[in-house]
Amino acid sequence: MENADPNNLSGLHARRYNQAGFLDARWQPLSRLTLSAGARAEANTNFGTRVVPRVGAIYALRRSQDFWGDTRARISYGQGIEEPTIFESFAADPCNPGNPALRPERSRTLNFGIDQFFSADRFRLSAGYFTNQFRDLINQQVGPADSICFSGNEMLYFNTDLSRARGMNWSGEAHLNHWLLLKGNYSYDDTRILKTVSTAPAIQQPGNHLLRRPVDSGNLWHSASFRRVNLNLAGYFTGVRTDSDFDGLGITHNPGYARFDFATSYNFSGGLSFYGRVTNLLDKRYQDAVGFPSLGRDFRLGMNYHFSGRK
């Protein structure tokens, strides 16, 4: 059950019930072939009961522990739903009211790709193609004029009709030796709005990219372990995204950025360990969404103690 007050000053108390369950099965009819299938059912106070299926298969085209190692092909298809948030459905803000009639967001996804391993699985390169179809994505449109609102109009939540995303994922992993691991990935995600309502903002009209979905993104991750010490350095890279201030200031894009995080730990004897973490190591200024600045450099230090018992 979800139980919340979407606006602290409104006195409105929103409540809705959710029940869900899923089944997942795997079968290996051949030594090289693995099949999977599953389904999730969700019963919601607002939109009733929905069932979404998923199926997939992995086939080993080649098996080898030589330099040119295993080659695996994979394919999967799935559907998904995501309910509106409590705020989107029940907010009582006169300038940004909720819409109880919102439908859940729906998606259909097809993925296929190939994984190539090298040198007894010490190295891996993967490439995959995906195509997604989205219906009923939740966005905002300009509503009636209201002088008490900063933009001069109410902003109303609505379901878009149809959007899609197509692209490629590339990833790699390298176990350079027993103490050093490198990982990385890059995604090209070409999204488009195909159908929507005429009153939607200009940036959400057909032909535009989906809101806050970068075409280019990726990350790099490094892990090194020396006896009791572990060091991790991660970099996250995001390209330019379509975005908006929704207040008539003319902002239509959010610049890309690169952010780095660092973490370390030291294991003492007797189950005691020390850890340290620095998020946004270079103190990069960026916004994941227009109007919501990121935190600056953030330090965290701590101790852990692991209790172990004997059977």
C-alpha atoms as a PDB file:
ATOM      1  CA  MET A   1       0.000   0.000   0.000  1.00  0.00           C
ATOM      2  CA  GLU A   2       1.242   3.511  -0.848  1.00  0.00           C
ATOM      3  CA  ASN A   3       0.255   6.139   1.673  1.00  0.00           C
ATOM      4  CA  ALA A   4       1.418   9.744   1.200  1.00  0.00           C
ATOM      5  CA  ASP A   5       0.639  13.435   1.386  1.00  0.00           C
ATOM      6  CA  PRO A   6       1.656  14.773  -2.053  1.00  0.00           C
ATOM      7  CA  ASN A   7       1.369  18.387  -0.837  1.00  0.00           C
ATOM      8  CA  ASN A   8       2.195  19.114   2.777  1.00  0.00           C
ATOM      9  CA  LEU A   9      -0.014  22.226   2.951  1.00  0.00           C
ATOM     10  CA  SER A  10      -3.031  20.837   1.135  1.00  0.00           C
ATOM     11  CA  GLY A  11      -4.316  18.506   3.824  1.00  0.00           C
ATOM     12  CA  LEU A  12      -4.896  15.905   1.100  1.00  0.00           C
ATOM     13  CA  HIS A  13      -3.988  12.357   2.016  1.00  0.00           C
ATOM     14  CA  ALA A  14      -3.514   9.985  -0.945  1.00  0.00           C
ATOM     15  CA  ARG A  15      -3.655   6.210  -0.705  1.00  0.00           C
ATOM     16  CA  ARG A  16      -3.539   3.418  -3.255  1.00  0.00           C
ATOM     17  CA  TYR A  17      -3.011  -0.327  -3.135  1.00  0.00           C
ATOM     18  CA  ASN A  18      -0.577  -2.405  -5.164  1.00  0.00           C
ATOM     19  CA  GLN A  19      -0.251  -6.160  -5.384  1.00  0.00           C
ATOM     20  CA  ALA A  20       2.211  -7.907  -7.687  1.00  0.00           C
ATOM     21  CA  GLY A  21       3.775 -11.267  -8.376  1.00  0.00           C
ATOM     22  CA  PHE A  22       6.048 -12.825 -10.955  1.00  0.00           C
ATOM     23  CA  LEU A  23       7.081 -16.196 -12.354  1.00  0.00           C
ATOM     24  CA  ASP A  24      10.452 -16.953 -13.927  1.00  0.00           C
ATOM     25  CA  ALA A  25      11.594 -20.191 -15.559  1.00  0.00           C
ATOM     26  CA  ARG A  26      14.806 -21.344 -17.261  1.00  0.00           C
ATOM     27  CA  TRP A  27      15.342 -24.401 -19.422  1.00  0.00           C
ATOM     28  CA  GLN A  28      18.431 -25.819 -21.096  1.00  0.00           C
ATOM     29  CA  PRO A  29      17.204 -28.228 -23.809  1.00  0.00           C
ATOM     30  CA  LEU A  30      20.703 -28.394 -25.352  1.00  0.00           C
ATOM     31  CA  SER A  31      24.126 -27.951 -23.791  1.00  0.00           C
ATOM     32  CA  ARG A  32      24.674 -24.801 -25.869  1.00  0.00           C
ATOM     33  CA  LEU A  33      21.160 -23.348 -25.552  1.00  0.00           C
ATOM     34  CA  THR A  34      19.506 -21.674 -22.549  1.00  0.00           C
ATOM     35  CA  LEU A  35      15.892 -20.485 -22.723  1.00  0.00           C
ATOM     36  CA  SER A  36      14.100 -18.243 -20.257  1.00  0.00           C
ATOM     37  CA  ALA A  37      10.523 -17.063 -19.869  1.00  0.00           C
ATOM     38  CA  GLY A  38       8.575 -15.197 -17.263  1.00  0.00           C
ATOM     39  CA  ALA A  39       5.675 -12.897 -16.524  1.00  0.00           C
ATOM     40  CA  ARG A  40       4.750 -10.274 -13.955  1.00  0.00           C
ATOM     41  CA  ALA A  41       1.208  -9.465 -12.879  1.00  0.00           C
ATOM     42  CA  GLU A  42       0.362  -6.234 -11.088  1.00  0.00           C
ATOM     43  CA  ALA A  43      -2.958  -5.168  -9.579  1.00  0.00           C
ATOM     44  CA  ASN A  44      -3.260  -1.447  -8.915  1.00  0.00           C
ATOM     45  CA  THR A  45      -6.081   0.658  -7.486  1.00  0.00           C
ATOM     46  CA  ASN A  46      -5.824   3.150 -10.360  1.00  0.00           C
ATOM     47  CA  PHE A  47      -5.343   1.044 -13.488  1.00  0.00           C
ATOM     48  CA  GLY A  48      -6.535  -2.425 -12.544  1.00  0.00           C
ATOM     49  CA  THR A  49      -4.611  -5.600 -13.364  1.00  0.00           C
ATOM     50  CA  ARG A  50      -1.897  -5.833 -16.033  1.00  0.00           C
ATOM     51  CA  VAL A  51       0.279  -8.801 -17.041  1.00  0.00           C
ATOM     52  CA  VAL A  52       3.614  -8.311 -18.856  1.00  0.00           C
ATOM     53  CA  PRO A  53       5.669 -11.215 -20.303  1.00  0.00           C
ATOM     54  CA  ARG A  54       9.402 -11.681 -20.988  1.00  0.00           C
ATOM     55  CA  VAL A  55      11.247 -14.322 -23.052  1.00  0.00           C
ATOM     56  CA  GLY A  56      14.880 -14.793 -24.004  1.00  0.00           C
ATOM     57  CA  ALA A  57      17.486 -17.181 -25.344  1.00  0.00           C
ATOM     58  CA  ILE A  58      21.293 -17.528 -25.226  1.00  0.00           C
ATOM     59  CA  TYR A  59      23.161 -19.792 -27.649  1.00  0.00           C
ATOM     60  CA  ALA A  60      26.858 -20.665 -27.473  1.00  0.00           C
ATOM     61  CA  LEU A  61      28.138 -20.382 -31.047  1.00  0.00           C
ATOM     62  CA  ARG A  62      31.623 -21.416 -29.978  1.00  0.00           C
ATOM     63  CA  ARG A  63      33.197 -22.921 -26.869  1.00  0.00           C
ATOM     64  CA  SER A  64      36.904 -22.618 -26.243  1.00  0.00           C
ATOM     65  CA  GLN A  65      39.434 -21.744 -23.543  1.00  0.00           C
ATOM     66  CA  ASP A  66      42.010 -20.624 -26.120  1.00  0.00           C
ATOM     67  CA  PHE A  67      42.831 -16.975 -26.839  1.00  0.00           C
ATOM     68  CA  TRP A  68      39.740 -16.785 -29.076  1.00  0.00           C
ATOM     69  CA  GLY A  69      37.314 -18.018 -26.428  1.00  0.00           C
ATOM     70  CA  ASP A  70      33.551 -18.480 -26.126  1.00  0.00           C
ATOM     71  CA  THR A  71      31.160 -16.739 -28.515  1.00  0.00           C
ATOM     72  CA  ARG A  72      27.563 -16.331 -27.337  1.00  0.00           C
ATOM     73  CA  ALA A  73      24.522 -14.911 -29.123  1.00  0.00           C
ATOM     74  CA  ARG A  74      21.554 -13.630 -27.148  1.00  0.00           C
ATOM     75  CA  ILE A  75      18.076 -12.322 -27.871  1.00  0.00           C
ATOM     76  CA  SER A  76      15.243 -11.195 -25.606  1.00  0.00           C
ATOM     77  CA  TYR A  77      11.797  -9.647 -25.803  1.00  0.00           C
ATOM     78  CA  GLY A  78       9.850  -8.122 -22.965  1.00  0.00           C
ATOM     79  CA  GLN A  79       7.058  -5.803 -21.992  1.00  0.00           C
ATOM     80  CA  GLY A  80       6.910  -3.487 -19.012  1.00  0.00           C
ATOM     81  CA  ILE A  81       4.692  -1.047 -17.143  1.00  0.00           C
ATOM     82  CA  GLU A  82       5.392   1.732 -14.656  1.00  0.00           C
ATOM     83  CA  GLU A  83       2.689   3.395 -12.633  1.00  0.00           C
ATOM     84  CA  PRO A  84       2.422   7.180 -12.164  1.00  0.00           C
ATOM     85  CA  THR A  85       3.945   8.545  -8.983  1.00  0.00           C
ATOM     86  CA  ILE A  86       1.721   9.643  -6.111  1.00  0.00           C
ATOM     87  CA  PHE A  87       2.546  13.258  -6.945  1.00  0.00           C
ATOM     88  CA  GLU A  88       1.661  12.860 -10.642  1.00  0.00           C
ATOM     89  CA  SER A  89      -1.681  11.294  -9.786  1.00  0.00           C
ATOM     90  CA  PHE A  90      -2.830  13.208  -6.695  1.00  0.00           C
ATOM     91  CA  ALA A  91      -0.870  16.468  -6.253  1.00  0.00           C
ATOM     92  CA  ALA A  92      -3.102  19.360  -5.099  1.00  0.00           C
ATOM     93  CA  ASP A  93      -0.771  22.191  -6.177  1.00  0.00           C
ATOM     94  CA  PRO A  94      -3.004  24.570  -8.200  1.00  0.00           C
ATOM     95  CA  CYS A  95      -0.117  25.295 -10.594  1.00  0.00           C
ATOM     96  CA  ASN A  96       0.931  21.663 -10.976  1.00  0.00           C
ATOM     97  CA  PRO A  97      -2.093  19.489 -10.156  1.00  0.00           C
ATOM     98  CA  GLY A  98      -2.107  15.707 -10.282  1.00  0.00           C
ATOM     99  CA  ASN A  99      -4.159  13.728 -12.787  1.00  0.00           C
ATOM    100  CA  PRO A 100      -5.935  10.667 -11.292  1.00  0.00           C
ATOM    101  CA  ALA A 101      -6.815   9.482 -14.818  1.00  0.00           C
ATOM    102  CA  LEU A 102      -3.166   8.912 -15.802  1.00  0.00           C
ATOM    103  CA  ARG A 103      -2.499   5.507 -17.326  1.00  0.00           C
ATOM    104  CA  PRO A 104       0.652   3.508 -16.528  1.00  0.00           C
ATOM    105  CA  GLU A 105       3.592   3.897 -18.882  1.00  0.00           C
ATOM    106  CA  ARG A 106       3.978   0.869 -21.177  1.00  0.00           C
ATOM    107  CA  SER A 107       6.980  -0.441 -23.099  1.00  0.00           C
ATOM    108  CA  ARG A 108       7.964  -3.180 -25.532  1.00  0.00           C
ATOM    109  CA  THR A 109      11.645  -4.046 -25.877  1.00  0.00           C
ATOM    110  CA  LEU A 110      13.596  -6.243 -28.285  1.00  0.00           C
ATOM    111  CA  ASN A 111      17.322  -6.832 -27.697  1.00  0.00           C
ATOM    112  CA  PHE A 112      19.831  -8.961 -29.517  1.00  0.00           C
ATOM    113  CA  GLY A 113      23.601  -9.049 -29.274  1.00  0.00           C
ATOM    114  CA  ILE A 114      26.803 -11.040 -29.138  1.00  0.00           C
ATOM    115  CA  ASP A 115      29.440 -11.610 -26.453  1.00  0.00           C
ATOM    116  CA  GLN A 116      33.009 -12.563 -27.341  1.00  0.00           C
ATOM    117  CA  PHE A 117      35.403 -13.851 -24.678  1.00  0.00           C
ATOM    118  CA  PHE A 118      39.186 -14.047 -24.956  1.00  0.00           C
ATOM    119  CA  SER A 119      42.040 -15.748 -23.138  1.00  0.00           C
ATOM    120  CA  ALA A 120      40.039 -18.128 -20.921  1.00  0.00           C
ATOM    121  CA  ASP A 121      37.398 -15.460 -20.133  1.00  0.00           C
ATOM    122  CA  ARG A 122      39.928 -12.872 -18.930  1.00  0.00           C
ATOM    123  CA  PHE A 123      38.652 -10.419 -21.541  1.00  0.00           C
ATOM    124  CA  ARG A 124      35.157  -9.794 -22.898  1.00  0.00           C
ATOM    125  CA  LEU A 125      33.730  -7.600 -25.636  1.00  0.00           C
ATOM    126  CA  SER A 126      29.955  -7.252 -26.125  1.00  0.00           C
ATOM    127  CA  ALA A 127      27.780  -5.477 -28.660  1.00  0.00           C
ATOM    128  CA  GLY A 128      24.001  -5.308 -28.797  1.00  0.00           C
ATOM    129  CA  TYR A 129      21.146  -3.633 -30.649  1.00  0.00           C
ATOM    130  CA  PHE A 130      17.882  -2.622 -29.012  1.00  0.00           C
ATOM    131  CA  THR A 131      14.576  -1.221 -30.164  1.00  0.00           C
ATOM    132  CA  ASN A 132      11.985   0.028 -27.696  1.00  0.00           C
ATOM    133  CA  GLN A 133       8.430   1.231 -28.163  1.00  0.00           C
ATOM    134  CA  PHE A 134       6.814   3.375 -25.480  1.00  0.00           C
ATOM    135  CA  ARG A 135       3.152   4.200 -25.015  1.00  0.00           C
ATOM    136  CA  ASP A 136       1.498   6.451 -22.458  1.00  0.00           C
ATOM    137  CA  LEU A 137       4.719   8.100 -21.256  1.00  0.00           C
ATOM    138  CA  ILE A 138       3.897  10.723 -18.635  1.00  0.00           C
ATOM    139  CA  ASN A 139       4.778  14.327 -19.496  1.00  0.00           C
ATOM    140  CA  GLN A 140       3.429  17.816 -18.885  1.00  0.00           C
ATOM    141  CA  GLN A 141       1.520  20.234 -21.082  1.00  0.00           C
ATOM    142  CA  VAL A 142       0.481  23.881 -20.742  1.00  0.00           C
ATOM    143  CA  GLY A 143      -2.918  24.225 -19.062  1.00  0.00           C
ATOM    144  CA  PRO A 144      -5.283  27.098 -18.329  1.00  0.00           C
ATOM    145  CA  ALA A 145      -3.919  30.561 -17.539  1.00  0.00           C
ATOM    146  CA  ASP A 146      -3.533  31.285 -13.827  1.00  0.00           C
ATOM    147  CA  SER A 147      -2.008  34.496 -12.497  1.00  0.00           C
ATOM    148  CA  ILE A 148      -0.774  32.865  -9.285  1.00  0.00           C
ATOM    149  CA  CYS A 149       1.548  30.552 -11.248  1.00  0.00           C
ATOM    150  CA  PHE A 150       5.093  31.661 -12.015  1.00  0.00           C
ATOM    151  CA  SER A 151       4.794  30.709 -15.700  1.00  0.00           C
ATOM    152  CA  GLY A 152       1.319  32.246 -16.005  1.00  0.00           C
ATOM    153  CA  ASN A 153      -0.283  28.860 -16.735  1.00  0.00           C
ATOM    154  CA  GLU A 154      -1.005  25.628 -14.972  1.00  0.00           C
ATOM    155  CA  MET A 155       1.143  22.651 -15.990  1.00  0.00           C
ATOM    156  CA  LEU A 156      -0.913  19.479 -16.434  1.00  0.00           C
ATOM    157  CA  TYR A 157       0.255  15.866 -16.484  1.00  0.00           C
ATOM    158  CA  PHE A 158      -0.806  13.801 -19.501  1.00  0.00           C
ATOM    159  CA  ASN A 159       0.025  10.548 -21.308  1.00  0.00           C
ATOM    160  CA  THR A 160       1.846  10.862 -24.632  1.00  0.00           C
ATOM    161  CA  ASP A 161       0.653   8.498 -27.340  1.00  0.00           C
ATOM    162  CA  LEU A 162       3.741   6.898 -28.883  1.00  0.00           C
ATOM    163  CA  SER A 163       7.544   7.154 -28.724  1.00  0.00           C
ATOM    164  CA  ARG A 164      10.441   4.908 -29.632  1.00  0.00           C
ATOM    165  CA  ALA A 165      14.125   4.374 -28.892  1.00  0.00           C
ATOM    166  CA  ARG A 166      16.705   2.556 -31.015  1.00  0.00           C
ATOM    167  CA  GLY A 167      20.391   2.167 -30.526  1.00  0.00           C
ATOM    168  CA  MET A 168      23.465   0.166 -29.673  1.00  0.00           C
ATOM    169  CA  ASN A 169      25.279  -0.842 -26.504  1.00  0.00           C
ATOM    170  CA  TRP A 170      28.975  -1.683 -26.423  1.00  0.00           C
ATOM    171  CA  SER A 171      30.758  -2.942 -23.309  1.00  0.00           C
ATOM    172  CA  GLY A 172      34.045  -4.536 -22.346  1.00  0.00           C
ATOM    173  CA  GLU A 173      35.739  -6.119 -19.361  1.00  0.00           C
ATOM    174  CA  ALA A 174      39.420  -6.884 -18.789  1.00  0.00           C
ATOM    175  CA  HIS A 175      40.914  -8.898 -15.913  1.00  0.00           C
ATOM    176  CA  LEU A 176      44.461  -7.670 -16.476  1.00  0.00           C
ATOM    177  CA  ASN A 177      45.721  -9.796 -13.584  1.00  0.00           C
ATOM    178  CA  HIS A 178      44.440 -11.140 -10.270  1.00  0.00           C
ATOM    179  CA  TRP A 179      44.360  -7.664  -8.666  1.00  0.00           C
ATOM    180  CA  LEU A 180      43.359  -5.296 -11.483  1.00  0.00           C
ATOM    181  CA  LEU A 181      39.954  -5.119 -13.235  1.00  0.00           C
ATOM    182  CA  LEU A 182      38.747  -2.650 -15.880  1.00  0.00           C
ATOM    183  CA  LYS A 183      35.190  -2.271 -17.188  1.00  0.00           C
ATOM    184  CA  GLY A 184      33.546   0.142 -19.586  1.00  0.00           C
ATOM    185  CA  ASN A 185      30.447   0.670 -21.698  1.00  0.00           C
ATOM    186  CA  TYR A 186      29.008   3.116 -24.208  1.00  0.00           C
ATOM    187  CA  SER A 187      25.380   3.537 -25.295  1.00  0.00           C
ATOM    188  CA  TYR A 188      23.942   5.227 -28.363  1.00  0.00           C
ATOM    189  CA  ASP A 189      20.232   5.852 -27.742  1.00  0.00           C
ATOM    190  CA  ASP A 190      18.328   7.559 -30.574  1.00  0.00           C
ATOM    191  CA  THR A 191      14.873   8.415 -29.196  1.00  0.00           C
ATOM    192  CA  ARG A 192      11.963  10.053 -30.997  1.00  0.00           C
ATOM    193  CA  ILE A 193       8.498  11.262 -30.046  1.00  0.00           C
ATOM    194  CA  LEU A 194       6.097   9.927 -32.706  1.00  0.00           C
ATOM    195  CA  LYS A 195       2.647  11.028 -31.520  1.00  0.00           C
ATOM    196  CA  THR A 196       1.432  13.374 -28.800  1.00  0.00           C
ATOM    197  CA  VAL A 197      -1.246  15.954 -28.017  1.00  0.00           C
ATOM    198  CA  SER A 198      -1.216  19.313 -29.786  1.00  0.00           C
ATOM    199  CA  THR A 199      -1.041  21.228 -26.494  1.00  0.00           C
ATOM    200  CA  ALA A 200       2.248  19.578 -25.446  1.00  0.00           C
ATOM    201  CA  PRO A 201       5.279  21.910 -25.183  1.00  0.00           C
ATOM    202  CA  ALA A 202       7.299  22.438 -28.381  1.00  0.00           C
ATOM    203  CA  ILE A 203      10.138  20.211 -27.192  1.00  0.00           C
ATOM    204  CA  GLN A 204       7.671  17.333 -26.759  1.00  0.00           C
ATOM    205  CA  GLN A 205       6.181  17.522 -30.237  1.00  0.00           C
ATOM    206  CA  PRO A 206       6.777  14.688 -32.776  1.00  0.00           C
ATOM    207  CA  GLY A 207      10.326  14.499 -34.123  1.00  0.00           C
ATOM    208  CA  ASN A 208      12.060  15.572 -30.922  1.00  0.00           C
ATOM    209  CA  HIS A 209      14.135  13.385 -28.629  1.00  0.00           C
ATOM    210  CA  LEU A 210      12.569  12.104 -25.440  1.00  0.00           C
ATOM    211  CA  LEU A 211      13.017  14.334 -22.428  1.00  0.00           C
ATOM    212  CA  ARG A 212      16.269  13.850 -20.464  1.00  0.00           C
ATOM    213  CA  ARG A 213      17.425  10.872 -22.555  1.00  0.00           C
ATOM    214  CA  PRO A 214      21.012  11.480 -23.788  1.00  0.00           C
ATOM    215  CA  VAL A 215      21.931  10.128 -27.213  1.00  0.00           C
ATOM    216  CA  ASP A 216      25.456   9.357 -25.965  1.00  0.00           C
ATOM    217  CA  SER A 217      26.365   8.020 -22.532  1.00  0.00           C
ATOM    218  CA  GLY A 218      28.846   5.656 -20.936  1.00  0.00           C
ATOM    219  CA  ASN A 219      31.073   4.869 -18.001  1.00  0.00           C
ATOM    220  CA  LEU A 220      34.482   3.505 -17.097  1.00  0.00           C
ATOM    221  CA  TRP A 221      35.250   1.581 -13.906  1.00  0.00           C
ATOM    222  CA  HIS A 222      38.613   0.552 -12.442  1.00  0.00           C
ATOM    223  CA  SER A 223      39.176  -1.695  -9.428  1.00  0.00           C
ATOM    224  CA  ALA A 224      42.527  -2.595  -7.873  1.00  0.00           C
ATOM    225  CA  SER A 225      43.146  -4.781  -4.805  1.00  0.00           C
ATOM    226  CA  PHE A 226      46.456  -4.967  -2.959  1.00  0.00           C
ATOM    227  CA  ARG A 227      46.279  -7.419  -0.077  1.00  0.00           C
ATOM    228  CA  ARG A 228      43.994  -5.618   2.421  1.00  0.00           C
ATOM    229  CA  VAL A 229      43.476  -2.465   0.339  1.00  0.00           C
ATOM    230  CA  ASN A 230      40.870  -1.955  -2.409  1.00  0.00           C
ATOM    231  CA  LEU A 231      40.750   1.095  -4.708  1.00  0.00           C
ATOM    232  CA  ASN A 232      37.938   2.004  -7.110  1.00  0.00           C
ATOM    233  CA  LEU A 233      37.738   4.841  -9.630  1.00  0.00           C
ATOM    234  CA  ALA A 234      34.605   5.329 -11.746  1.00  0.00           C
ATOM    235  CA  GLY A 235      33.830   7.844 -14.482  1.00  0.00           C
ATOM    236  CA  TYR A 236      30.342   8.632 -15.828  1.00  0.00           C
ATOM    237  CA  PHE A 237      29.829  10.434 -19.132  1.00  0.00           C
ATOM    238  CA  THR A 238      26.550  11.895 -20.378  1.00  0.00           C
ATOM    239  CA  GLY A 239      25.923  13.800 -23.606  1.00  0.00           C
ATOM    240  CA  VAL A 240      23.574  16.693 -24.327  1.00  0.00           C
ATOM    241  CA  ARG A 241      19.931  15.982 -23.446  1.00  0.00           C
ATOM    242  CA  THR A 242      16.622  17.529 -24.474  1.00  0.00           C
ATOM    243  CA  ASP A 243      15.185  19.269 -21.416  1.00  0.00           C
ATOM    244  CA  SER A 244      13.111  22.295 -20.412  1.00  0.00           C
ATOM    245  CA  ASP A 245      12.627  24.757 -17.583  1.00  0.00           C
ATOM    246  CA  PHE A 246       8.814  24.593 -18.240  1.00  0.00           C
ATOM    247  CA  ASP A 247       8.640  28.244 -17.143  1.00  0.00           C
ATOM    248  CA  GLY A 248       8.984  30.021 -20.502  1.00  0.00           C
ATOM    249  CA  LEU A 249      12.691  30.836 -20.087  1.00  0.00           C
ATOM    250  CA  GLY A 250      13.548  29.253 -23.445  1.00  0.00           C
ATOM    251  CA  ILE A 251      15.762  26.428 -22.126  1.00  0.00           C
ATOM    252  CA  THR A 252      15.498  23.394 -24.422  1.00  0.00           C
ATOM    253  CA  HIS A 253      18.745  21.478 -23.772  1.00  0.00           C
ATOM    254  CA  ASN A 254      20.831  20.328 -20.832  1.00  0.00           C
ATOM    255  CA  PRO A 255      24.627  20.220 -21.453  1.00  0.00           C
ATOM    256  CA  GLY A 256      26.579  16.988 -21.150  1.00  0.00           C
ATOM    257  CA  TYR A 257      29.032  16.338 -18.349  1.00  0.00           C
ATOM    258  CA  ALA A 258      31.657  13.941 -17.005  1.00  0.00           C
ATOM    259  CA  ARG A 259      31.730  12.968 -13.319  1.00  0.00           C
ATOM    260  CA  PHE A 260      34.278  10.892 -11.411  1.00  0.00           C
ATOM    261  CA  ASP A 261      33.873   9.018  -8.115  1.00  0.00           C
ATOM    262  CA  PHE A 262      36.572   7.430  -5.960  1.00  0.00           C
ATOM    263  CA  ALA A 263      36.260   4.818  -3.219  1.00  0.00           C
ATOM    264  CA  THR A 264      38.698   2.858  -1.080  1.00  0.00           C
ATOM    265  CA  SER A 265      38.597   0.359   1.770  1.00  0.00           C
ATOM    266  CA  TYR A 266      41.046  -1.326   4.115  1.00  0.00           C
ATOM    267  CA  ASN A 267      40.314  -4.613   5.882  1.00  0.00           C
ATOM    268  CA  PHE A 268      41.772  -4.964   9.355  1.00  0.00           C
ATOM    269  CA  SER A 269      41.906  -8.329  11.061  1.00  0.00           C
ATOM    270  CA  GLY A 270      39.011  -9.552  13.183  1.00  0.00           C
ATOM    271  CA  GLY A 271      36.190  -8.434  10.858  1.00  0.00           C
ATOM    272  CA  LEU A 272      36.903  -4.691  11.095  1.00  0.00           C
ATOM    273  CA  SER A 273      37.211  -2.556   7.930  1.00  0.00           C
ATOM    274  CA  PHE A 274      37.574   1.117   7.056  1.00  0.00           C
ATOM    275  CA  TYR A 275      36.048   2.745   3.986  1.00  0.00           C
ATOM    276  CA  GLY A 276      36.220   6.116   2.305  1.00  0.00           C
ATOM    277  CA  ARG A 277      34.305   7.536  -0.640  1.00  0.00           C
ATOM    278  CA  VAL A 278      34.448  10.762  -2.644  1.00  0.00           C
ATOM    279  CA  THR A 279      31.506  11.435  -4.953  1.00  0.00           C
ATOM    280  CA  ASN A 280      32.007  14.016  -7.716  1.00  0.00           C
ATOM    281  CA  LEU A 281      35.756  13.977  -7.162  1.00  0.00           C
ATOM    282  CA  LEU A 282      36.486  16.985  -9.422  1.00  0.00           C
ATOM    283  CA  ASP A 283      33.577  19.037  -8.010  1.00  0.00           C
ATOM    284  CA  LYS A 284      31.828  19.159 -11.407  1.00  0.00           C
ATOM    285  CA  ARG A 285      28.813  21.462 -11.710  1.00  0.00           C
ATOM    286  CA  TYR A 286      25.986  19.864 -13.674  1.00  0.00           C
ATOM    287  CA  GLN A 287      22.238  19.207 -13.610  1.00  0.00           C
ATOM    288  CA  ASP A 288      20.617  15.817 -14.178  1.00  0.00           C
ATOM    289  CA  ALA A 289      17.418  17.799 -14.803  1.00  0.00           C
ATOM    290  CA  VAL A 290      17.172  21.513 -15.548  1.00  0.00           C
ATOM    291  CA  GLY A 291      16.635  23.407 -12.310  1.00  0.00           C
ATOM    292  CA  PHE A 292      18.054  20.656 -10.057  1.00  0.00           C
ATOM    293  CA  PRO A 293      21.793  21.272  -9.555  1.00  0.00           C
ATOM    294  CA  SER A 294      23.992  18.368  -8.537  1.00  0.00           C
ATOM    295  CA  LEU A 295      25.744  18.115  -5.206  1.00  0.00           C
ATOM    296  CA  GLY A 296      29.347  19.240  -5.137  1.00  0.00           C
ATOM    297  CA  ARG A 297      32.272  17.146  -3.961  1.00  0.00           C
ATOM    298  CA  ASP A 298      31.059  14.832  -1.178  1.00  0.00           C
ATOM    299  CA  PHE A 299      33.296  12.955   1.303  1.00  0.00           C
ATOM    300  CA  ARG A 300      32.250   9.968   3.368  1.00  0.00           C
ATOM    301  CA  LEU A 301      34.323   7.994   5.860  1.00  0.00           C
ATOM    302  CA  GLY A 302      33.254   5.059   7.977  1.00  0.00           C
ATOM    303  CA  MET A 303      33.993   1.798   9.710  1.00  0.00           C
ATOM    304  CA  ASN A 304      32.368  -1.598   9.322  1.00  0.00           C
ATOM    305  CA  TYR A 305      32.453  -4.557  11.643  1.00  0.00           C
ATOM    306  CA  HIS A 306      31.432  -8.001  10.445  1.00  0.00           C
ATOM    307  CA  PHE A 307      30.155 -10.425  13.092  1.00  0.00           C
ATOM    308  CA  SER A 308      30.934 -14.025  12.213  1.00  0.00           C
ATOM    309  CA  GLY A 309      29.745 -17.056  14.053  1.00  0.00           C
ATOM    310  CA  ARG A 310      30.702 -20.708  14.046  1.00  0.00           C
ATOM    311  CA  LYS A 311      28.294 -23.505  13.314  1.00  0.00           C
END
